[in-house]
């Protein structure tokens, strides 16, 4: 027969789990949101790189098209000056499917204008 103290502690694990469960769900939500933002930053970096490289070769239209293939829904801006081309890709990220406020993520890439390329 279990001791009297052991009998009183029986429901303790369930109560502790019920108290900790919201914290565990919050930590999981933060982790998923962080992974979502990091993955979008990688896509935007790829998009900015493609846009800058194509514009440096003298074909900014192709660069924008390639950038939008890498990061659908992104805004891509290309500017040039001083022998370089700068591409900036920006997008609003909605972590957890819009349950959290949106985050603006932006990546920038600079490429040197190729000597055989015309103005971007």
PDB file of N, CA and C in Angstrom:
ATOM      1  N   UNK A   1       0.840  -1.179   0.000  1.00  0.00           N
ATOM      2  CA  UNK A   1       0.000   0.000   0.000  1.00  0.00           C
ATOM      3  C   UNK A   1       0.888   1.246   0.000  1.00  0.00           C
ATOM      4  N   UNK A   2       0.609   2.214  -0.903  1.00  0.00           N
ATOM      5  CA  UNK A   2       1.449   3.406  -0.977  1.00  0.00           C
ATOM      6  C   UNK A   2       1.310   4.255   0.269  1.00  0.00           C
ATOM      7  N   UNK A   3       2.401   4.956   0.577  1.00  0.00           N
ATOM      8  CA  UNK A   3       2.371   5.822   1.751  1.00  0.00           C
ATOM      9  C   UNK A   3       1.434   7.008   1.490  1.00  0.00           C
ATOM     10  N   UNK A   4       1.050   7.656   2.576  1.00  0.00           N
ATOM     11  CA  UNK A   4       0.111   8.768   2.478  1.00  0.00           C
ATOM     12  C   UNK A   4       0.708   9.938   1.688  1.00  0.00           C
ATOM     13  N   UNK A   5       2.012  10.220   1.837  1.00  0.00           N
ATOM     14  CA  UNK A   5       2.661  11.296   1.103  1.00  0.00           C
ATOM     15  C   UNK A   5       2.722  11.003  -0.380  1.00  0.00           C
ATOM     16  N   UNK A   6       2.925   9.752  -0.746  1.00  0.00           N
ATOM     17  CA  UNK A   6       2.997   9.370  -2.153  1.00  0.00           C
ATOM     18  C   UNK A   6       1.627   9.547  -2.819  1.00  0.00           C
ATOM     19  N   UNK A   7       0.569   9.255  -2.092  1.00  0.00           N
ATOM     20  CA  UNK A   7      -0.780   9.385  -2.621  1.00  0.00           C
ATOM     21  C   UNK A   7      -1.119  10.855  -2.901  1.00  0.00           C
ATOM     22  N   UNK A   8      -0.644  11.781  -2.087  1.00  0.00           N
ATOM     23  CA  UNK A   8      -0.931  13.199  -2.289  1.00  0.00           C
ATOM     24  C   UNK A   8      -0.166  13.761  -3.499  1.00  0.00           C
ATOM     25  N   UNK A   9       0.946  13.171  -3.864  1.00  0.00           N
ATOM     26  CA  UNK A   9       1.776  13.658  -4.969  1.00  0.00           C
ATOM     27  C   UNK A   9       1.359  13.094  -6.323  1.00  0.00           C
ATOM     28  N   UNK A  10       0.373  12.227  -6.342  1.00  0.00           N
ATOM     29  CA  UNK A  10      -0.009  11.555  -7.582  1.00  0.00           C
ATOM     30  C   UNK A  10      -0.358  12.506  -8.724  1.00  0.00           C
ATOM     31  N   UNK A  11      -1.137  13.508  -8.517  1.00  0.00           N
ATOM     32  CA  UNK A  11      -1.573  14.426  -9.557  1.00  0.00           C
ATOM     33  C   UNK A  11      -0.607  15.575  -9.807  1.00  0.00           C
ATOM     34  N   UNK A  12       0.527  15.579  -9.126  1.00  0.00           N
ATOM     35  CA  UNK A  12       1.472  16.679  -9.236  1.00  0.00           C
ATOM     36  C   UNK A  12       2.064  16.799 -10.645  1.00  0.00           C
ATOM     37  N   UNK A  13       2.408  15.700 -11.276  1.00  0.00           N
ATOM     38  CA  UNK A  13       3.002  15.739 -12.609  1.00  0.00           C
ATOM     39  C   UNK A  13       2.006  16.318 -13.602  1.00  0.00           C
ATOM     40  N   UNK A  14       0.766  15.930 -13.502  1.00  0.00           N
ATOM     41  CA  UNK A  14      -0.264  16.457 -14.393  1.00  0.00           C
ATOM     42  C   UNK A  14      -0.434  17.961 -14.192  1.00  0.00           C
ATOM     43  N   UNK A  15      -0.432  18.413 -12.975  1.00  0.00           N
ATOM     44  CA  UNK A  15      -0.580  19.846 -12.697  1.00  0.00           C
ATOM     45  C   UNK A  15       0.620  20.630 -13.210  1.00  0.00           C
ATOM     46  N   UNK A  16       1.813  20.088 -13.036  1.00  0.00           N
ATOM     47  CA  UNK A  16       3.015  20.768 -13.519  1.00  0.00           C
ATOM     48  C   UNK A  16       3.017  20.835 -15.048  1.00  0.00           C
ATOM     49  N   UNK A  17       2.592  19.772 -15.687  1.00  0.00           N
ATOM     50  CA  UNK A  17       2.522  19.769 -17.143  1.00  0.00           C
ATOM     51  C   UNK A  17       1.496  20.787 -17.627  1.00  0.00           C
ATOM     52  N   UNK A  18       0.356  20.861 -16.969  1.00  0.00           N
ATOM     53  CA  UNK A  18      -0.680  21.822 -17.357  1.00  0.00           C
ATOM     54  C   UNK A  18      -0.181  23.258 -17.177  1.00  0.00           C
ATOM     55  N   UNK A  19       0.640  23.489 -16.178  1.00  0.00           N
ATOM     56  CA  UNK A  19       1.178  24.832 -15.949  1.00  0.00           C
ATOM     57  C   UNK A  19       2.261  25.176 -16.976  1.00  0.00           C
ATOM     58  N   UNK A  20       3.024  24.195 -17.413  1.00  0.00           N
ATOM     59  CA  UNK A  20       4.139  24.437 -18.342  1.00  0.00           C
ATOM     60  C   UNK A  20       3.736  24.368 -19.809  1.00  0.00           C
ATOM     61  N   UNK A  21       2.632  23.766 -20.122  1.00  0.00           N
ATOM     62  CA  UNK A  21       2.231  23.582 -21.518  1.00  0.00           C
ATOM     63  C   UNK A  21       2.120  24.900 -22.294  1.00  0.00           C
ATOM     64  N   UNK A  22       1.512  25.957 -21.763  1.00  0.00           N
ATOM     65  CA  UNK A  22       1.476  27.217 -22.519  1.00  0.00           C
ATOM     66  C   UNK A  22       2.871  27.764 -22.834  1.00  0.00           C
ATOM     67  N   UNK A  23       3.806  27.604 -21.909  1.00  0.00           N
ATOM     68  CA  UNK A  23       5.174  28.065 -22.141  1.00  0.00           C
ATOM     69  C   UNK A  23       5.820  27.242 -23.249  1.00  0.00           C
ATOM     70  N   UNK A  24       5.601  25.949 -23.253  1.00  0.00           N
ATOM     71  CA  UNK A  24       6.158  25.092 -24.299  1.00  0.00           C
ATOM     72  C   UNK A  24       5.588  25.443 -25.672  1.00  0.00           C
ATOM     73  N   UNK A  25       4.292  25.734 -25.728  1.00  0.00           N
ATOM     74  CA  UNK A  25       3.665  26.133 -26.990  1.00  0.00           C
ATOM     75  C   UNK A  25       4.233  27.471 -27.460  1.00  0.00           C
ATOM     76  N   UNK A  26       4.449  28.405 -26.537  1.00  0.00           N
ATOM     77  CA  UNK A  26       5.033  29.698 -26.879  1.00  0.00           C
ATOM     78  C   UNK A  26       6.452  29.534 -27.427  1.00  0.00           C
ATOM     79  N   UNK A  27       7.251  28.709 -26.793  1.00  0.00           N
ATOM     80  CA  UNK A  27       8.621  28.456 -27.267  1.00  0.00           C
ATOM     81  C   UNK A  27       8.598  27.815 -28.643  1.00  0.00           C
ATOM     82  N   UNK A  28       7.706  26.885 -28.878  1.00  0.00           N
ATOM     83  CA  UNK A  28       7.580  26.265 -30.192  1.00  0.00           C
ATOM     84  C   UNK A  28       7.184  27.299 -31.247  1.00  0.00           C
ATOM     85  N   UNK A  29       6.246  28.184 -30.916  1.00  0.00           N
ATOM     86  CA  UNK A  29       5.831  29.231 -31.846  1.00  0.00           C
ATOM     87  C   UNK A  29       6.966  30.181 -32.188  1.00  0.00           C
ATOM     88  N   UNK A  30       7.762  30.558 -31.196  1.00  0.00           N
ATOM     89  CA  UNK A  30       8.911  31.437 -31.436  1.00  0.00           C
ATOM     90  C   UNK A  30       9.934  30.731 -32.318  1.00  0.00           C
ATOM     91  N   UNK A  31      10.183  29.466 -32.067  1.00  0.00           N
ATOM     92  CA  UNK A  31      11.150  28.720 -32.873  1.00  0.00           C
ATOM     93  C   UNK A  31      10.689  28.599 -34.324  1.00  0.00           C
ATOM     94  N   UNK A  32       9.426  28.289 -34.536  1.00  0.00           N
ATOM     95  CA  UNK A  32       8.899  28.188 -35.908  1.00  0.00           C
ATOM     96  C   UNK A  32       8.965  29.536 -36.599  1.00  0.00           C
ATOM     97  N   UNK A  33       8.649  30.609 -35.880  1.00  0.00           N
ATOM     98  CA  UNK A  33       8.720  31.955 -36.465  1.00  0.00           C
ATOM     99  C   UNK A  33      10.151  32.309 -36.849  1.00  0.00           C
ATOM    100  N   UNK A  34      11.094  31.970 -36.005  1.00  0.00           N
ATOM    101  CA  UNK A  34      12.504  32.261 -36.303  1.00  0.00           C
ATOM    102  C   UNK A  34      12.964  31.509 -37.541  1.00  0.00           C
ATOM    103  N   UNK A  35      12.587  30.263 -37.659  1.00  0.00           N
ATOM    104  CA  UNK A  35      12.963  29.479 -38.838  1.00  0.00           C
ATOM    105  C   UNK A  35      12.330  30.070 -40.097  1.00  0.00           C
ATOM    106  N   UNK A  36      11.078  30.512 -40.005  1.00  0.00           N
ATOM    107  CA  UNK A  36      10.397  31.130 -41.141  1.00  0.00           C
ATOM    108  C   UNK A  36      11.117  32.391 -41.599  1.00  0.00           C
ATOM    109  N   UNK A  37      11.501  33.243 -40.654  1.00  0.00           N
ATOM    110  CA  UNK A  37      12.185  34.496 -40.996  1.00  0.00           C
ATOM    111  C   UNK A  37      13.560  34.221 -41.587  1.00  0.00           C
ATOM    112  N   UNK A  38      14.293  33.295 -41.013  1.00  0.00           N
ATOM    113  CA  UNK A  38      15.627  32.962 -41.538  1.00  0.00           C
ATOM    114  C   UNK A  38      15.519  32.387 -42.949  1.00  0.00           C
ATOM    115  N   UNK A  39      14.565  31.515 -43.188  1.00  0.00           N
ATOM    116  CA  UNK A  39      14.388  30.942 -44.525  1.00  0.00           C
ATOM    117  C   UNK A  39      14.037  32.031 -45.539  1.00  0.00           C
ATOM    118  N   UNK A  40      13.219  32.986 -45.139  1.00  0.00           N
ATOM    119  CA  UNK A  40      12.867  34.078 -46.050  1.00  0.00           C
ATOM    120  C   UNK A  40      14.066  34.977 -46.313  1.00  0.00           C
ATOM    121  N   UNK A  41      14.909  35.187 -45.305  1.00  0.00           N
ATOM    122  CA  UNK A  41      16.128  35.985 -45.519  1.00  0.00           C
ATOM    123  C   UNK A  41      17.047  35.318 -46.525  1.00  0.00           C
ATOM    124  N   UNK A  42      17.152  34.006 -46.476  1.00  0.00           N
ATOM    125  CA  UNK A  42      17.985  33.288 -47.447  1.00  0.00           C
ATOM    126  C   UNK A  42      17.415  33.458 -48.855  1.00  0.00           C
ATOM    127  N   UNK A  43      16.096  33.325 -48.988  1.00  0.00           N
ATOM    128  CA  UNK A  43      15.464  33.524 -50.305  1.00  0.00           C
ATOM    129  C   UNK A  43      15.692  34.937 -50.823  1.00  0.00           C
ATOM    130  N   UNK A  44      15.557  35.924 -49.942  1.00  0.00           N
ATOM    131  CA  UNK A  44      15.755  37.311 -50.359  1.00  0.00           C
ATOM    132  C   UNK A  44      17.209  37.596 -50.710  1.00  0.00           C
ATOM    133  N   UNK A  45      18.139  36.996 -49.995  1.00  0.00           N
ATOM    134  CA  UNK A  45      19.558  37.167 -50.338  1.00  0.00           C
ATOM    135  C   UNK A  45      19.839  36.591 -51.718  1.00  0.00           C
ATOM    136  N   UNK A  46      19.272  35.425 -52.012  1.00  0.00           N
ATOM    137  CA  UNK A  46      19.424  34.832 -53.343  1.00  0.00           C
ATOM    138  C   UNK A  46      18.806  35.732 -54.405  1.00  0.00           C
ATOM    139  N   UNK A  47      17.636  36.287 -54.106  1.00  0.00           N
ATOM    140  CA  UNK A  47      16.956  37.155 -55.069  1.00  0.00           C
ATOM    141  C   UNK A  47      17.762  38.422 -55.332  1.00  0.00           C
ATOM    142  N   UNK A  48      18.278  39.047 -54.275  1.00  0.00           N
ATOM    143  CA  UNK A  48      19.078  40.261 -54.449  1.00  0.00           C
ATOM    144  C   UNK A  48      20.354  39.959 -55.224  1.00  0.00           C
ATOM    145  N   UNK A  49      20.967  38.826 -54.956  1.00  0.00           N
ATOM    146  CA  UNK A  49      22.189  38.443 -55.673  1.00  0.00           C
ATOM    147  C   UNK A  49      21.911  38.262 -57.163  1.00  0.00           C
ATOM    148  N   UNK A  50      20.832  37.566 -57.493  1.00  0.00           N
ATOM    149  CA  UNK A  50      20.484  37.357 -58.908  1.00  0.00           C
ATOM    150  C   UNK A  50      20.202  38.677 -59.614  1.00  0.00           C
ATOM    151  N   UNK A  51      19.460  39.562 -58.940  1.00  0.00           N
ATOM    152  CA  UNK A  51      19.132  40.854 -59.541  1.00  0.00           C
ATOM    153  C   UNK A  51      20.389  41.693 -59.753  1.00  0.00           C
ATOM    154  N   UNK A  52      21.280  41.713 -58.768  1.00  0.00           N
ATOM    155  CA  UNK A  52      22.502  42.511 -58.891  1.00  0.00           C
ATOM    156  C   UNK A  52      23.422  41.958 -59.976  1.00  0.00           C
ATOM    157  N   UNK A  53      23.578  40.651 -60.032  1.00  0.00           N
ATOM    158  CA  UNK A  53      24.460  40.060 -61.044  1.00  0.00           C
ATOM    159  C   UNK A  53      23.938  40.301 -62.453  1.00  0.00           C
ATOM    160  N   UNK A  54      22.632  40.134 -62.657  1.00  0.00           N
ATOM    161  CA  UNK A  54      22.065  40.350 -63.992  1.00  0.00           C
ATOM    162  C   UNK A  54      22.158  41.824 -64.378  1.00  0.00           C
ATOM    163  N   UNK A  55      21.887  42.723 -63.443  1.00  0.00           N
ATOM    164  CA  UNK A  55      21.987  44.150 -63.748  1.00  0.00           C
ATOM    165  C   UNK A  55      23.439  44.544 -64.029  1.00  0.00           C
ATOM    166  N   UNK A  56      24.386  43.928 -63.351  1.00  0.00           N
ATOM    167  CA  UNK A  56      25.803  44.214 -63.592  1.00  0.00           C
ATOM    168  C   UNK A  56      26.227  43.762 -64.988  1.00  0.00           C
ATOM    169  N   UNK A  57      25.538  42.754 -65.520  1.00  0.00           N
ATOM    170  CA  UNK A  57      25.804  42.299 -66.890  1.00  0.00           C
ATOM    171  C   UNK A  57      25.049  43.128 -67.922  1.00  0.00           C
ATOM    172  N   UNK A  58      24.201  44.049 -67.462  1.00  0.00           N
ATOM    173  CA  UNK A  58      23.456  44.908 -68.370  1.00  0.00           C
ATOM    174  C   UNK A  58      22.049  44.453 -68.670  1.00  0.00           C
ATOM    175  N   UNK A  59      21.477  43.558 -67.849  1.00  0.00           N
ATOM    176  CA  UNK A  59      20.133  43.045 -68.096  1.00  0.00           C
ATOM    177  C   UNK A  59      19.298  43.081 -66.808  1.00  0.00           C
ATOM    178  N   UNK A  60      18.916  44.282 -66.352  1.00  0.00           N
ATOM    179  CA  UNK A  60      18.166  44.362 -65.092  1.00  0.00           C
ATOM    180  C   UNK A  60      16.787  43.721 -65.143  1.00  0.00           C
ATOM    181  N   UNK A  61      16.156  43.687 -66.324  1.00  0.00           N
ATOM    182  CA  UNK A  61      14.829  43.054 -66.443  1.00  0.00           C
ATOM    183  C   UNK A  61      14.890  41.571 -66.120  1.00  0.00           C
ATOM    184  N   UNK A  62      15.904  40.896 -66.659  1.00  0.00           N
ATOM    185  CA  UNK A  62      16.076  39.469 -66.354  1.00  0.00           C
ATOM    186  C   UNK A  62      16.392  39.285 -64.876  1.00  0.00           C
ATOM    187  N   UNK A  63      17.170  40.203 -64.319  1.00  0.00           N
ATOM    188  CA  UNK A  63      17.495  40.126 -62.893  1.00  0.00           C
ATOM    189  C   UNK A  63      16.271  40.200 -62.019  1.00  0.00           C
ATOM    190  N   UNK A  64      15.362  41.118 -62.336  1.00  0.00           N
ATOM    191  CA  UNK A  64      14.123  41.220 -61.553  1.00  0.00           C
ATOM    192  C   UNK A  64      13.279  39.959 -61.699  1.00  0.00           C
ATOM    193  N   UNK A  65      13.212  39.421 -62.923  1.00  0.00           N
ATOM    194  CA  UNK A  65      12.423  38.202 -63.136  1.00  0.00           C
ATOM    195  C   UNK A  65      13.000  37.044 -62.334  1.00  0.00           C
ATOM    196  N   UNK A  66      14.332  36.881 -62.370  1.00  0.00           N
ATOM    197  CA  UNK A  66      14.971  35.808 -61.614  1.00  0.00           C
ATOM    198  C   UNK A  66      14.795  36.011 -60.110  1.00  0.00           C
ATOM    199  N   UNK A  67      14.871  37.266 -59.683  1.00  0.00           N
ATOM    200  CA  UNK A  67      14.706  37.562 -58.260  1.00  0.00           C
ATOM    201  C   UNK A  67      13.309  37.182 -57.782  1.00  0.00           C
ATOM    202  N   UNK A  68      12.292  37.486 -58.595  1.00  0.00           N
ATOM    203  CA  UNK A  68      10.925  37.147 -58.206  1.00  0.00           C
ATOM    204  C   UNK A  68      10.662  35.654 -58.261  1.00  0.00           C
ATOM    205  N   UNK A  69      11.432  34.926 -59.055  1.00  0.00           N
ATOM    206  CA  UNK A  69      11.331  33.463 -59.035  1.00  0.00           C
ATOM    207  C   UNK A  69      11.919  32.921 -57.736  1.00  0.00           C
ATOM    208  N   UNK A  70      13.012  33.530 -57.270  1.00  0.00           N
ATOM    209  CA  UNK A  70      13.643  33.082 -56.023  1.00  0.00           C
ATOM    210  C   UNK A  70      12.818  33.438 -54.794  1.00  0.00           C
ATOM    211  N   UNK A  71      12.203  34.622 -54.817  1.00  0.00           N
ATOM    212  CA  UNK A  71      11.435  35.101 -53.664  1.00  0.00           C
ATOM    213  C   UNK A  71      10.103  35.682 -54.147  1.00  0.00           C
ATOM    214  N   UNK A  72       9.120  34.828 -54.402  1.00  0.00           N
ATOM    215  CA  UNK A  72       7.820  35.327 -54.874  1.00  0.00           C
ATOM    216  C   UNK A  72       7.205  36.314 -53.879  1.00  0.00           C
ATOM    217  N   UNK A  73       6.652  37.384 -54.413  1.00  0.00           N
ATOM    218  CA  UNK A  73       6.008  38.382 -53.569  1.00  0.00           C
ATOM    219  C   UNK A  73       6.948  39.445 -53.035  1.00  0.00           C
ATOM    220  N   UNK A  74       8.222  39.356 -53.361  1.00  0.00           N
ATOM    221  CA  UNK A  74       9.191  40.338 -52.873  1.00  0.00           C
ATOM    222  C   UNK A  74       9.180  41.583 -53.750  1.00  0.00           C
ATOM    223  N   UNK A  75       9.606  42.686 -53.176  1.00  0.00           N
ATOM    224  CA  UNK A  75       9.845  43.912 -53.941  1.00  0.00           C
ATOM    225  C   UNK A  75      11.346  43.977 -54.195  1.00  0.00           C
ATOM    226  N   UNK A  76      11.716  44.197 -55.441  1.00  0.00           N
ATOM    227  CA  UNK A  76      13.127  44.234 -55.806  1.00  0.00           C
ATOM    228  C   UNK A  76      13.432  45.587 -56.418  1.00  0.00           C
ATOM    229  N   UNK A  77      14.425  46.254 -55.860  1.00  0.00           N
ATOM    230  CA  UNK A  77      14.870  47.530 -56.387  1.00  0.00           C
ATOM    231  C   UNK A  77      16.322  47.439 -56.805  1.00  0.00           C
ATOM    232  N   UNK A  78      16.649  48.013 -57.948  1.00  0.00           N
ATOM    233  CA  UNK A  78      18.017  47.978 -58.459  1.00  0.00           C
ATOM    234  C   UNK A  78      18.462  49.412 -58.714  1.00  0.00           C
ATOM    235  N   UNK A  79      19.652  49.758 -58.225  1.00  0.00           N
ATOM    236  CA  UNK A  79      20.222  51.083 -58.484  1.00  0.00           C
ATOM    237  C   UNK A  79      21.690  50.910 -58.835  1.00  0.00           C
ATOM    238  N   UNK A  80      22.250  51.895 -59.536  1.00  0.00           N
ATOM    239  CA  UNK A  80      23.656  51.799 -59.925  1.00  0.00           C
ATOM    240  C   UNK A  80      24.341  53.133 -59.693  1.00  0.00           C
ATOM    241  N   UNK A  81      25.638  53.051 -59.564  1.00  0.00           N
ATOM    242  CA  UNK A  81      26.442  54.252 -59.380  1.00  0.00           C
ATOM    243  C   UNK A  81      27.832  53.887 -58.926  1.00  0.00           C
ATOM    244  N   UNK A  82      28.816  54.614 -59.426  1.00  0.00           N
ATOM    245  CA  UNK A  82      30.190  54.380 -58.998  1.00  0.00           C
ATOM    246  C   UNK A  82      30.755  53.046 -59.429  1.00  0.00           C
ATOM    247  N   UNK A  83      30.284  52.517 -60.536  1.00  0.00           N
ATOM    248  CA  UNK A  83      30.803  51.244 -61.027  1.00  0.00           C
ATOM    249  C   UNK A  83      30.228  50.017 -60.343  1.00  0.00           C
ATOM    250  N   UNK A  84      29.193  50.209 -59.546  1.00  0.00           N
ATOM    251  CA  UNK A  84      28.538  49.069 -58.892  1.00  0.00           C
ATOM    252  C   UNK A  84      27.036  49.122 -59.117  1.00  0.00           C
ATOM    253  N   UNK A  85      26.424  47.979 -58.934  1.00  0.00           N
ATOM    254  CA  UNK A  85      24.968  47.849 -58.995  1.00  0.00           C
ATOM    255  C   UNK A  85      24.526  47.307 -57.641  1.00  0.00           C
ATOM    256  N   UNK A  86      23.508  47.925 -57.073  1.00  0.00           N
ATOM    257  CA  UNK A  86      22.984  47.485 -55.781  1.00  0.00           C
ATOM    258  C   UNK A  86      21.551  47.016 -55.976  1.00  0.00           C
ATOM    259  N   UNK A  87      21.266  45.833 -55.483  1.00  0.00           N
ATOM    260  CA  UNK A  87      19.911  45.290 -55.536  1.00  0.00           C
ATOM    261  C   UNK A  87      19.421  45.068 -54.105  1.00  0.00           C
ATOM    262  N   UNK A  88      18.199  45.484 -53.851  1.00  0.00           N
ATOM    263  CA  UNK A  88      17.591  45.301 -52.536  1.00  0.00           C
ATOM    264  C   UNK A  88      16.285  44.542 -52.726  1.00  0.00           C
ATOM    265  N   UNK A  89      16.149  43.435 -52.015  1.00  0.00           N
ATOM    266  CA  UNK A  89      14.919  42.633 -52.050  1.00  0.00           C
ATOM    267  C   UNK A  89      14.260  42.734 -50.674  1.00  0.00           C
ATOM    268  N   UNK A  90      12.978  43.089 -50.659  1.00  0.00           N
ATOM    269  CA  UNK A  90      12.241  43.295 -49.411  1.00  0.00           C
ATOM    270  C   UNK A  90      10.919  42.552 -49.472  1.00  0.00           C
ATOM    271  N   UNK A  91      10.517  42.007 -48.321  1.00  0.00           N
ATOM    272  CA  UNK A  91       9.247  41.284 -48.256  1.00  0.00           C
ATOM    273  C   UNK A  91       8.691  41.333 -46.841  1.00  0.00           C
ATOM    274  N   UNK A  92       7.367  41.379 -46.736  1.00  0.00           N
ATOM    275  CA  UNK A  92       6.685  41.265 -45.452  1.00  0.00           C
ATOM    276  C   UNK A  92       6.517  39.774 -45.146  1.00  0.00           C
ATOM    277  N   UNK A  93       6.971  39.348 -43.984  1.00  0.00           N
ATOM    278  CA  UNK A  93       6.843  37.955 -43.561  1.00  0.00           C
ATOM    279  C   UNK A  93       5.786  37.894 -42.467  1.00  0.00           C
ATOM    280  N   UNK A  94       4.868  36.950 -42.598  1.00  0.00           N
ATOM    281  CA  UNK A  94       3.799  36.767 -41.617  1.00  0.00           C
ATOM    282  C   UNK A  94       4.047  35.469 -40.863  1.00  0.00           C
ATOM    283  N   UNK A  95       4.746  35.525 -39.713  1.00  0.00           N
ATOM    284  CA  UNK A  95       5.030  34.297 -38.960  1.00  0.00           C
ATOM    285  C   UNK A  95       3.756  33.619 -38.472  1.00  0.00           C
ATOM    286  N   UNK A  96       3.794  32.331 -38.453  1.00  0.00           N
ATOM    287  CA  UNK A  96       2.685  31.494 -37.987  1.00  0.00           C
ATOM    288  C   UNK A  96       1.396  31.796 -38.736  1.00  0.00           C
ATOM    289  N   UNK A  97       1.519  32.006 -40.031  1.00  0.00           N
ATOM    290  CA  UNK A  97       0.343  32.185 -40.874  1.00  0.00           C
ATOM    291  C   UNK A  97      -0.479  33.425 -40.559  1.00  0.00           C
ATOM    292  N   UNK A  98       0.149  34.455 -40.038  1.00  0.00           N
ATOM    293  CA  UNK A  98      -0.564  35.693 -39.750  1.00  0.00           C
ATOM    294  C   UNK A  98      -1.062  35.806 -38.320  1.00  0.00           C
ATOM    295  N   UNK A  99      -0.749  34.840 -37.476  1.00  0.00           N
ATOM    296  CA  UNK A  99      -1.169  34.910 -36.079  1.00  0.00           C
ATOM    297  C   UNK A  99      -0.344  35.939 -35.309  1.00  0.00           C
ATOM    298  N   UNK A 100       0.838  36.243 -35.836  1.00  0.00           N
ATOM    299  CA  UNK A 100       1.705  37.244 -35.227  1.00  0.00           C
ATOM    300  C   UNK A 100       1.824  38.431 -36.169  1.00  0.00           C
ATOM    301  N   UNK A 101       2.240  39.585 -35.662  1.00  0.00           N
ATOM    302  CA  UNK A 101       2.425  40.747 -36.542  1.00  0.00           C
ATOM    303  C   UNK A 101       3.474  40.461 -37.618  1.00  0.00           C
ATOM    304  N   UNK A 102       3.317  41.123 -38.759  1.00  0.00           N
ATOM    305  CA  UNK A 102       4.256  40.892 -39.851  1.00  0.00           C
ATOM    306  C   UNK A 102       5.605  41.540 -39.548  1.00  0.00           C
ATOM    307  N   UNK A 103       6.628  40.983 -40.180  1.00  0.00           N
ATOM    308  CA  UNK A 103       7.996  41.462 -40.030  1.00  0.00           C
ATOM    309  C   UNK A 103       8.504  41.800 -41.427  1.00  0.00           C
ATOM    310  N   UNK A 104       9.113  42.967 -41.585  1.00  0.00           N
ATOM    311  CA  UNK A 104       9.706  43.331 -42.868  1.00  0.00           C
ATOM    312  C   UNK A 104      11.141  42.823 -42.894  1.00  0.00           C
ATOM    313  N   UNK A 105      11.423  42.001 -43.892  1.00  0.00           N
ATOM    314  CA  UNK A 105      12.755  41.430 -44.050  1.00  0.00           C
ATOM    315  C   UNK A 105      13.346  41.988 -45.335  1.00  0.00           C
ATOM    316  N   UNK A 106      14.616  42.384 -45.281  1.00  0.00           N
ATOM    317  CA  UNK A 106      15.256  42.989 -46.440  1.00  0.00           C
ATOM    318  C   UNK A 106      16.691  42.487 -46.552  1.00  0.00           C
ATOM    319  N   UNK A 107      17.112  42.218 -47.766  1.00  0.00           N
ATOM    320  CA  UNK A 107      18.491  41.806 -48.040  1.00  0.00           C
ATOM    321  C   UNK A 107      19.028  42.651 -49.184  1.00  0.00           C
ATOM    322  N   UNK A 108      20.322  42.906 -49.155  1.00  0.00           N
ATOM    323  CA  UNK A 108      20.965  43.783 -50.135  1.00  0.00           C
ATOM    324  C   UNK A 108      22.195  43.091 -50.694  1.00  0.00           C
ATOM    325  N   UNK A 109      22.430  43.299 -51.979  1.00  0.00           N
ATOM    326  CA  UNK A 109      23.598  42.720 -52.630  1.00  0.00           C
ATOM    327  C   UNK A 109      24.196  43.770 -53.570  1.00  0.00           C
ATOM    328  N   UNK A 110      25.527  43.823 -53.632  1.00  0.00           N
ATOM    329  CA  UNK A 110      26.233  44.769 -54.494  1.00  0.00           C
ATOM    330  C   UNK A 110      27.118  43.969 -55.434  1.00  0.00           C
ATOM    331  N   UNK A 111      27.108  44.343 -56.707  1.00  0.00           N
ATOM    332  CA  UNK A 111      27.953  43.692 -57.716  1.00  0.00           C
ATOM    333  C   UNK A 111      28.646  44.766 -58.535  1.00  0.00           C
ATOM    334  N   UNK A 112      29.860  44.466 -58.960  1.00  0.00           N
ATOM    335  CA  UNK A 112      30.617  45.391 -59.812  1.00  0.00           C
ATOM    336  C   UNK A 112      30.080  45.289 -61.242  1.00  0.00           C
ATOM    337  N   UNK A 113      29.947  46.429 -61.901  1.00  0.00           N
ATOM    338  CA  UNK A 113      29.480  46.445 -63.289  1.00  0.00           C
ATOM    339  C   UNK A 113      30.559  45.814 -64.158  1.00  0.00           C
ATOM    340  N   UNK A 114      30.140  44.888 -64.998  1.00  0.00           N
ATOM    341  CA  UNK A 114      31.089  44.225 -65.892  1.00  0.00           C
ATOM    342  C   UNK A 114      31.496  45.186 -66.996  1.00  0.00           C
ATOM    343  N   UNK A 115      32.762  45.174 -67.387  1.00  0.00           N
ATOM    344  CA  UNK A 115      33.250  46.129 -68.370  1.00  0.00           C
ATOM    345  C   UNK A 115      32.539  46.051 -69.725  1.00  0.00           C
ATOM    346  N   UNK A 116      32.075  44.889 -70.114  1.00  0.00           N
ATOM    347  CA  UNK A 116      31.412  44.751 -71.419  1.00  0.00           C
ATOM    348  C   UNK A 116      29.943  45.107 -71.359  1.00  0.00           C
ATOM    349  N   UNK A 117      29.414  45.308 -70.157  1.00  0.00           N
ATOM    350  CA  UNK A 117      27.991  45.598 -70.004  1.00  0.00           C
ATOM    351  C   UNK A 117      27.735  47.081 -70.224  1.00  0.00           C
ATOM    352  N   UNK A 118      26.589  47.361 -70.774  1.00  0.00           N
ATOM    353  CA  UNK A 118      26.172  48.746 -70.929  1.00  0.00           C
ATOM    354  C   UNK A 118      25.616  49.245 -69.610  1.00  0.00           C
ATOM    355  N   UNK A 119      25.066  50.455 -69.565  1.00  0.00           N
ATOM    356  CA  UNK A 119      24.483  50.956 -68.332  1.00  0.00           C
ATOM    357  C   UNK A 119      23.265  50.130 -67.932  1.00  0.00           C
ATOM    358  N   UNK A 120      23.116  49.821 -66.618  1.00  0.00           N
ATOM    359  CA  UNK A 120      21.986  48.989 -66.155  1.00  0.00           C
ATOM    360  C   UNK A 120      20.663  49.675 -66.242  1.00  0.00           C
TER     361      UNK A 120
END
